[in-house]
Amino acid sequence: MGLQFLIAYPVLIIAITFIHLTALNQSPLRSTVYGLFWALPAAFLVAIASQNEARKRRERSMAENASESTDSVES
């Protein structure tokens, strides 16, 4: 989870700061503070989502391997 957070946090700081500068027309200082603040929960959500997706893929792979092994035993 740590690697996903470390990758997502700086990218989200830039993206959220840019959104606050352009779409919300806020000052650069305020946009930067909001970018730093809102990137934290967003990076955690990205890390949690990627861990959940990896878990689902592992479970799917294990289920496919189990069904292949039972198919070969039945033959």
Protein backbone atom coordinates (compact mmCIF):
# COMPACT_ATOMS: atom_id res chain seq x y z
CA MET A 1 0.00 0.00 0.00
CA GLY A 2 2.90 2.33 0.69
CA LEU A 3 4.25 2.33 -2.86
CA GLN A 4 0.87 3.21 -4.37
CA PHE A 5 0.53 6.07 -1.88
CA LEU A 6 4.03 7.38 -2.61
CA ILE A 7 3.33 7.38 -6.33
CA ALA A 8 -0.19 8.81 -6.13
CA TYR A 9 0.39 11.60 -3.59
CA PRO A 10 2.68 13.91 -5.64
CA VAL A 11 0.63 13.36 -8.79
CA LEU A 12 -2.59 14.18 -6.95
CA ILE A 13 -1.05 17.30 -5.37
CA ILE A 14 -0.31 18.67 -8.83
CA ALA A 15 -3.70 17.67 -10.25
CA ILE A 16 -5.76 19.04 -7.37
CA THR A 17 -3.72 22.25 -7.21
CA PHE A 18 -4.23 22.72 -10.95
CA ILE A 19 -7.98 22.18 -10.59
CA HIS A 20 -8.18 24.76 -7.82
CA LEU A 21 -6.13 27.25 -9.84
CA THR A 22 -8.06 26.91 -13.08
CA ALA A 23 -11.59 25.65 -12.53
CA LEU A 24 -12.15 27.23 -9.12
CA ASN A 25 -10.07 30.37 -9.86
CA GLN A 26 -8.34 30.48 -6.47
CA SER A 27 -5.05 32.10 -5.53
CA PRO A 28 -1.84 30.07 -6.01
CA LEU A 29 -1.15 29.83 -2.27
CA ARG A 30 -4.66 28.69 -1.42
CA SER A 31 -4.65 26.26 -4.34
CA THR A 32 -1.37 24.74 -3.13
CA VAL A 33 -2.67 24.34 0.43
CA TYR A 34 -5.85 22.69 -0.85
CA GLY A 35 -3.78 20.48 -3.13
CA LEU A 36 -1.61 19.31 -0.23
CA PHE A 37 -4.63 18.74 1.99
CA TRP A 38 -7.01 16.98 -0.42
CA ALA A 39 -4.28 14.85 -1.98
CA LEU A 40 -3.88 12.94 1.31
CA PRO A 41 -7.33 11.31 1.42
CA ALA A 42 -7.35 10.91 -2.37
CA ALA A 43 -3.98 9.09 -2.30
CA PHE A 44 -5.24 6.79 0.45
CA LEU A 45 -8.31 5.99 -1.63
CA VAL A 46 -6.14 5.22 -4.66
CA ALA A 47 -3.92 2.94 -2.57
CA ILE A 48 -6.89 1.12 -1.04
CA ALA A 49 -8.54 0.70 -4.45
CA SER A 50 -5.38 -0.73 -6.00
CA GLN A 51 -4.93 -3.16 -3.11
CA ASN A 52 -8.55 -4.27 -3.46
CA GLU A 53 -8.12 -4.80 -7.19
CA ALA A 54 -4.94 -6.83 -6.64
CA ARG A 55 -6.75 -8.99 -4.07
CA LYS A 56 -9.61 -9.66 -6.50
CA ARG A 57 -7.17 -10.65 -9.24
CA ARG A 58 -5.31 -13.01 -6.89
CA GLU A 59 -8.56 -14.65 -5.82
CA ARG A 60 -9.69 -15.02 -9.44
CA SER A 61 -6.34 -16.54 -10.39
CA MET A 62 -6.46 -18.96 -7.46
CA ALA A 63 -10.01 -20.00 -8.41
CA GLU A 64 -8.95 -20.62 -12.02
CA ASN A 65 -5.94 -22.65 -10.88
CA ALA A 66 -8.13 -24.71 -8.56
CA SER A 67 -10.62 -25.46 -11.31
CA GLU A 68 -7.79 -26.45 -13.69
CA SER A 69 -6.35 -28.83 -11.13
CA THR A 70 -9.72 -30.51 -10.51
CA ASP A 71 -10.27 -30.81 -14.27
CA SER A 72 -6.95 -32.63 -14.69
CA VAL A 73 -7.74 -35.00 -11.79
CA GLU A 74 -11.13 -35.91 -13.32
CA SER A 75 -9.59 -36.77 -16.72
